[in-house]
């Protein structure tokens, strides 16, 4: 049976933009160019500078690649829809965008979890660090982070594709799996989706969050027993990672709030509703290269040399 009787979805989030669309287009274009430049620069710096071929910087490279991937899933379509009078997208493109955005979010959190584990080993086991975080292990961690997330989200999306839909209007600027599933004609068809979604949440979100919390509890325990100089060094090392983690968590929290708000009924301003929905896709890819480029001396110096 066909997954849907519709050939396209209508993105209703653009209906309130009105005459400000060119102003928004200018801001979004400038933001996207900044994201492309900053992340590409740091990827090139890490790949070309031999002194940065270390686990921490390789994980950072994976993080920057994912930021490019996630922003590209949103910005080109967003800019196109802003200047277009037709805010419909094909079902194929909509599901592809869902896949890209969901994999971006899962990989981002998994990358941050792997980086927290790396910092835990570097601070708590400095003498054994090179053995515990060997190049082969780094490669395995990066590959598992990406491949497992892709496989999980392919299964998740296939469960959405089988649903029979009774509507095609999505109250957002981009396609969202949660909103597509809400369009299902029968709630009985969603049982498998809910079960797999719960399992996916545990594996892709609860496990990384547990890893991050446990790593920082161990780091904090070691720091409290160390000298002031070692504490300061550990703080400087972990600050960019913590800032990135908090920014990403804040963005996810805003998404959760936005998905639970029925804007027409609660009289929420259109601009606020829009900002809540796109924050983690717009700000995180620009925040990461800025915070790591500014806070990490080796990256900052290598950028200066290249530029």
Protein backbone atom coordinates (compact mmCIF):
# COMPACT_ATOMS: atom_id res chain seq x y z
CA UNK A 1 0.00 0.00 0.00
CA UNK A 2 1.17 3.53 -0.73
CA UNK A 3 2.67 5.28 2.27
CA UNK A 4 0.62 8.38 1.52
CA UNK A 5 -2.03 9.50 -0.91
CA UNK A 6 -0.36 12.91 -1.19
CA UNK A 7 2.43 13.80 -3.62
CA UNK A 8 3.60 16.77 -1.57
CA UNK A 9 3.53 18.41 1.86
CA UNK A 10 2.67 22.05 2.55
CA UNK A 11 5.00 23.88 4.96
CA UNK A 12 2.62 26.24 6.75
CA UNK A 13 5.39 27.91 8.76
CA UNK A 14 6.02 30.35 5.90
CA UNK A 15 2.48 31.75 5.90
CA UNK A 16 3.25 34.49 8.48
CA UNK A 17 6.51 35.77 6.98
CA UNK A 18 4.92 38.32 4.65
CA UNK A 19 6.94 41.34 3.51
CA UNK A 20 9.92 40.57 5.72
CA UNK A 21 10.92 37.57 3.63
CA UNK A 22 13.81 39.38 1.91
CA UNK A 23 15.11 40.66 5.24
CA UNK A 24 15.03 37.10 6.59
CA UNK A 25 16.66 35.86 3.39
CA UNK A 26 19.58 38.26 3.86
CA UNK A 27 20.13 37.17 7.47
CA UNK A 28 19.85 33.46 6.67
CA UNK A 29 22.17 33.72 3.66
CA UNK A 30 24.80 35.55 5.72
CA UNK A 31 24.46 32.96 8.47
CA UNK A 32 24.79 30.03 6.06
CA UNK A 33 27.87 31.53 4.37
CA UNK A 34 29.44 32.04 7.81
CA UNK A 35 28.70 28.42 8.76
CA UNK A 36 30.18 27.10 5.51
CA UNK A 37 33.31 29.24 5.84
CA UNK A 38 33.98 28.61 9.54
CA UNK A 39 33.42 24.84 9.49
CA UNK A 40 35.25 24.28 6.19
CA UNK A 41 38.21 26.33 7.41
CA UNK A 42 38.57 24.29 10.58
CA UNK A 43 38.18 20.99 8.72
CA UNK A 44 40.96 22.04 6.33
CA UNK A 45 43.13 23.21 9.23
CA UNK A 46 42.78 19.91 11.12
CA UNK A 47 43.35 17.80 7.99
CA UNK A 48 46.44 19.71 6.79
CA UNK A 49 48.15 20.49 10.11
CA UNK A 50 50.03 17.37 11.23
CA UNK A 51 50.29 18.56 14.83
CA UNK A 52 46.48 18.39 15.02
CA UNK A 53 46.28 14.73 13.98
CA UNK A 54 45.31 13.72 17.49
CA UNK A 55 42.11 12.09 18.82
CA UNK A 56 40.60 15.28 20.23
CA UNK A 57 40.98 17.19 16.95
CA UNK A 58 39.81 14.25 14.84
CA UNK A 59 36.62 14.10 16.88
CA UNK A 60 36.30 17.85 16.36
CA UNK A 61 36.67 17.31 12.62
CA UNK A 62 33.80 14.82 12.74
CA UNK A 63 31.75 17.41 14.64
CA UNK A 64 32.41 20.12 12.04
CA UNK A 65 31.56 17.77 9.15
CA UNK A 66 28.26 16.97 10.84
CA UNK A 67 27.53 20.68 11.30
CA UNK A 68 28.00 21.21 7.58
CA UNK A 69 25.78 18.22 6.88
CA UNK A 70 22.98 19.40 9.17
CA UNK A 71 22.97 23.02 8.04
CA UNK A 72 22.94 21.98 4.38
CA UNK A 73 19.83 19.90 5.08
CA UNK A 74 18.02 23.09 6.16
CA UNK A 75 19.44 26.31 4.69
CA UNK A 76 19.18 25.82 0.88
CA UNK A 77 15.55 24.68 1.15
CA UNK A 78 14.80 27.45 3.64
CA UNK A 79 16.20 30.15 1.34
CA UNK A 80 14.32 28.74 -1.65
CA UNK A 81 10.99 28.62 0.19
CA UNK A 82 11.42 32.15 1.55
CA UNK A 83 11.42 33.73 -1.92
CA UNK A 84 8.88 31.32 -3.41
CA UNK A 85 5.12 31.70 -3.30
CA UNK A 86 4.71 27.94 -3.37
CA UNK A 87 5.59 26.43 -0.01
CA UNK A 88 4.95 22.82 -0.95
CA UNK A 89 7.68 20.17 -1.08
CA UNK A 90 7.57 16.72 -2.62
CA UNK A 91 7.11 13.75 -0.31
CA UNK A 92 10.49 12.36 -1.41
CA UNK A 93 12.31 15.57 -0.49
CA UNK A 94 10.37 15.90 2.75
CA UNK A 95 11.35 12.43 3.95
CA UNK A 96 14.94 13.03 2.84
CA UNK A 97 15.05 16.23 4.88
CA UNK A 98 13.62 14.42 7.89
CA UNK A 99 16.33 11.79 7.61
CA UNK A 100 19.14 14.36 7.31
CA UNK A 101 17.95 16.54 10.19
CA UNK A 102 17.34 13.62 12.55
CA UNK A 103 20.69 12.00 11.77
CA UNK A 104 22.39 15.38 12.28
CA UNK A 105 20.90 15.73 15.77
CA UNK A 106 21.76 12.15 16.78
CA UNK A 107 25.32 12.34 15.43
CA UNK A 108 25.88 15.70 17.13
CA UNK A 109 24.99 14.32 20.54
CA UNK A 110 26.96 11.09 19.95
CA UNK A 111 30.00 13.13 18.88
CA UNK A 112 29.77 15.19 22.06
CA UNK A 113 29.52 11.99 24.11
CA UNK A 114 32.62 10.52 22.44
CA UNK A 115 34.48 13.79 23.02
CA UNK A 116 33.55 13.77 26.73
CA UNK A 117 34.87 10.20 26.97
CA UNK A 118 38.08 11.32 25.26
CA UNK A 119 38.50 14.19 27.74
CA UNK A 120 37.89 11.78 30.61
CA UNK A 121 40.72 9.51 29.44
CA UNK A 122 43.06 12.45 28.78
CA UNK A 123 42.52 13.96 32.25
CA UNK A 124 42.11 10.84 34.40
CA UNK A 125 44.66 8.60 32.62
CA UNK A 126 47.21 10.96 31.03
CA UNK A 127 50.07 8.43 30.98
CA UNK A 128 48.00 5.69 29.34
CA UNK A 129 46.04 8.04 27.07
CA UNK A 130 47.91 7.27 23.84
CA UNK A 131 47.33 3.56 24.36
CA UNK A 132 43.71 3.84 25.49
CA UNK A 133 42.85 6.18 22.61
CA UNK A 134 44.86 4.59 19.80
CA UNK A 135 44.23 5.67 16.16
CA UNK A 136 42.30 2.44 15.47
CA UNK A 137 39.98 3.10 18.39
CA UNK A 138 39.41 6.69 17.21
CA UNK A 139 38.44 5.42 13.76
CA UNK A 140 36.05 2.84 15.23
CA UNK A 141 34.34 5.40 17.47
CA UNK A 142 33.82 7.86 14.60
CA UNK A 143 32.54 5.15 12.22
CA UNK A 144 30.15 3.67 14.80
CA UNK A 145 28.83 7.16 15.62
CA UNK A 146 27.90 7.79 11.99
CA UNK A 147 26.94 4.33 10.71
CA UNK A 148 24.79 3.25 13.65
CA UNK A 149 22.87 6.54 13.54
CA UNK A 150 22.25 6.20 9.80
CA UNK A 151 20.98 2.62 10.16
CA UNK A 152 18.72 3.53 13.10
CA UNK A 153 17.17 6.50 11.29
CA UNK A 154 16.65 4.52 8.07
CA UNK A 155 14.55 2.03 10.07
CA UNK A 156 12.76 4.87 11.87
CA UNK A 157 11.92 6.60 8.59
CA UNK A 158 10.75 3.36 6.96
CA UNK A 159 8.21 2.99 9.78
CA UNK A 160 6.91 6.49 9.03
CA UNK A 161 6.70 5.74 5.30
CA UNK A 162 4.25 2.87 5.87
CA UNK A 163 1.69 5.14 7.61
CA UNK A 164 -1.47 6.16 5.76
CA UNK A 165 -1.80 9.92 6.12
CA UNK A 166 -5.00 11.97 6.24
CA UNK A 167 -3.39 15.38 5.81
CA UNK A 168 -0.36 17.06 4.26
CA UNK A 169 0.03 20.37 6.13
CA UNK A 170 3.13 20.66 8.37
CA UNK A 171 3.15 23.62 10.78
CA UNK A 172 6.86 24.26 10.45
CA UNK A 173 9.56 25.71 8.17
CA UNK A 174 10.92 22.24 7.46
CA UNK A 175 9.71 18.65 7.50
CA UNK A 176 9.51 17.05 10.92
CA UNK A 177 8.94 13.35 11.58
CA UNK A 178 6.88 14.06 14.71
CA UNK A 179 4.46 16.27 12.76
CA UNK A 180 4.23 13.81 9.84
CA UNK A 181 3.36 10.96 12.21
CA UNK A 182 0.65 13.17 13.76
CA UNK A 183 -1.00 13.23 10.31
CA UNK A 184 -1.56 9.45 10.42
CA UNK A 185 -5.18 8.42 9.89
CA UNK A 186 -5.17 5.76 12.61
CA UNK A 187 -3.36 5.78 15.94
CA UNK A 188 -3.31 1.96 15.93
CA UNK A 189 -0.76 2.07 13.09
CA UNK A 190 1.63 4.05 15.30
CA UNK A 191 2.29 1.36 17.93
CA UNK A 192 5.43 0.03 16.24
CA UNK A 193 6.62 3.60 15.60
CA UNK A 194 6.22 4.47 19.28
CA UNK A 195 8.03 1.34 20.49
CA UNK A 196 10.94 1.80 18.08
CA UNK A 197 11.02 5.53 18.83
CA UNK A 198 11.36 4.78 22.54
CA UNK A 199 14.17 2.27 21.90
CA UNK A 200 15.89 4.75 19.58
CA UNK A 201 15.63 7.47 22.24
CA UNK A 202 17.33 5.24 24.81
CA UNK A 203 20.16 4.23 22.45
CA UNK A 204 20.77 7.56 20.68
CA UNK A 205 19.99 10.03 23.47
CA UNK A 206 19.92 8.40 26.90
CA UNK A 207 23.17 6.44 26.40
CA UNK A 208 25.18 9.48 25.13
CA UNK A 209 23.80 11.64 27.94
CA UNK A 210 24.70 9.00 30.50
CA UNK A 211 28.22 8.79 29.02
CA UNK A 212 28.63 12.57 29.21
CA UNK A 213 27.38 12.78 32.80
CA UNK A 214 29.53 9.87 33.97
CA UNK A 215 32.64 11.25 32.22
CA UNK A 216 32.28 14.66 33.84
CA UNK A 217 31.57 13.19 37.27
CA UNK A 218 34.87 11.28 36.97
CA UNK A 219 36.67 14.40 35.70
CA UNK A 220 35.28 16.51 38.55
CA UNK A 221 36.33 13.89 41.10
CA UNK A 222 39.90 13.88 39.78
CA UNK A 223 40.05 17.69 39.57
CA UNK A 224 39.02 18.09 43.22
CA UNK A 225 42.00 15.95 44.22
CA UNK A 226 44.46 17.72 41.92
CA UNK A 227 46.52 20.87 42.22
CA UNK A 228 45.21 24.29 41.22
CA UNK A 229 47.34 24.25 38.07
CA UNK A 230 45.94 20.88 36.95
CA UNK A 231 42.39 22.01 37.71
CA UNK A 232 42.88 25.11 35.58
CA UNK A 233 44.30 23.05 32.73
CA UNK A 234 41.37 20.62 32.87
CA UNK A 235 38.93 23.52 32.99
CA UNK A 236 40.46 25.14 29.88
CA UNK A 237 40.31 21.81 28.04
CA UNK A 238 36.68 21.09 28.91
CA UNK A 239 35.19 24.59 28.60
CA UNK A 240 34.60 24.55 24.79
CA UNK A 241 33.03 21.09 24.99
CA UNK A 242 30.74 22.08 27.85
CA UNK A 243 29.73 25.28 26.04
CA UNK A 244 28.89 23.30 22.89
CA UNK A 245 26.96 20.71 24.89
CA UNK A 246 24.93 23.33 26.76
CA UNK A 247 24.12 25.20 23.54
CA UNK A 248 22.97 22.00 21.82
CA UNK A 249 20.91 20.96 24.86
CA UNK A 250 19.31 24.41 24.96
CA UNK A 251 18.41 24.10 21.26
CA UNK A 252 16.85 20.65 21.80
CA UNK A 253 14.90 22.04 24.77
CA UNK A 254 13.51 24.83 22.56
CA UNK A 255 12.49 22.25 19.94
CA UNK A 256 10.63 20.30 22.64
CA UNK A 257 8.81 23.46 23.76
CA UNK A 258 7.94 24.46 20.19
CA UNK A 259 6.58 21.03 19.29
CA UNK A 260 4.20 21.18 22.26
CA UNK A 261 2.92 24.70 21.51
CA UNK A 262 -0.24 25.11 19.48
CA UNK A 263 0.53 28.61 18.25
CA UNK A 264 -2.93 29.62 16.91
CA UNK A 265 -4.62 28.64 20.17
CA UNK A 266 -2.04 30.10 22.53
CA UNK A 267 -1.38 33.32 20.58
CA UNK A 268 2.37 32.73 20.41
CA UNK A 269 4.12 35.29 18.10
CA UNK A 270 5.08 33.78 14.74
CA UNK A 271 8.70 34.95 15.03
CA UNK A 272 9.15 33.31 18.43
CA UNK A 273 7.56 30.07 17.19
CA UNK A 274 9.95 30.06 14.23
CA UNK A 275 13.07 30.81 16.29
CA UNK A 276 12.24 27.99 18.70
CA UNK A 277 12.03 25.51 15.83
CA UNK A 278 15.29 26.40 14.02
CA UNK A 279 17.66 27.43 16.82
CA UNK A 280 19.61 24.16 17.10
CA UNK A 281 19.91 23.85 13.31
CA UNK A 282 21.11 27.42 12.81
CA UNK A 283 23.12 28.35 15.91
CA UNK A 284 24.90 25.10 16.79
CA UNK A 285 26.77 24.78 13.42
CA UNK A 286 28.08 28.35 13.83
CA UNK A 287 28.64 28.18 17.58
CA UNK A 288 30.95 25.13 17.44
CA UNK A 289 33.68 26.50 15.13
CA UNK A 290 33.63 29.84 16.93
CA UNK A 291 33.95 28.45 20.46
CA UNK A 292 36.61 25.86 19.53
CA UNK A 293 38.48 28.26 17.25
CA UNK A 294 38.63 30.93 19.94
CA UNK A 295 39.31 28.74 22.98
CA UNK A 296 41.85 26.26 21.57
CA UNK A 297 45.30 27.77 21.03
CA UNK A 298 46.56 25.20 18.52
CA UNK A 299 43.53 25.57 16.25
CA UNK A 300 43.66 29.36 16.51
CA UNK A 301 47.35 29.46 15.60
CA UNK A 302 46.91 27.01 12.71
CA UNK A 303 44.04 29.14 11.34
CA UNK A 304 46.26 32.22 11.46
CA UNK A 305 49.02 30.40 9.58
CA UNK A 306 46.66 29.26 6.82
CA UNK A 307 44.86 32.61 6.48
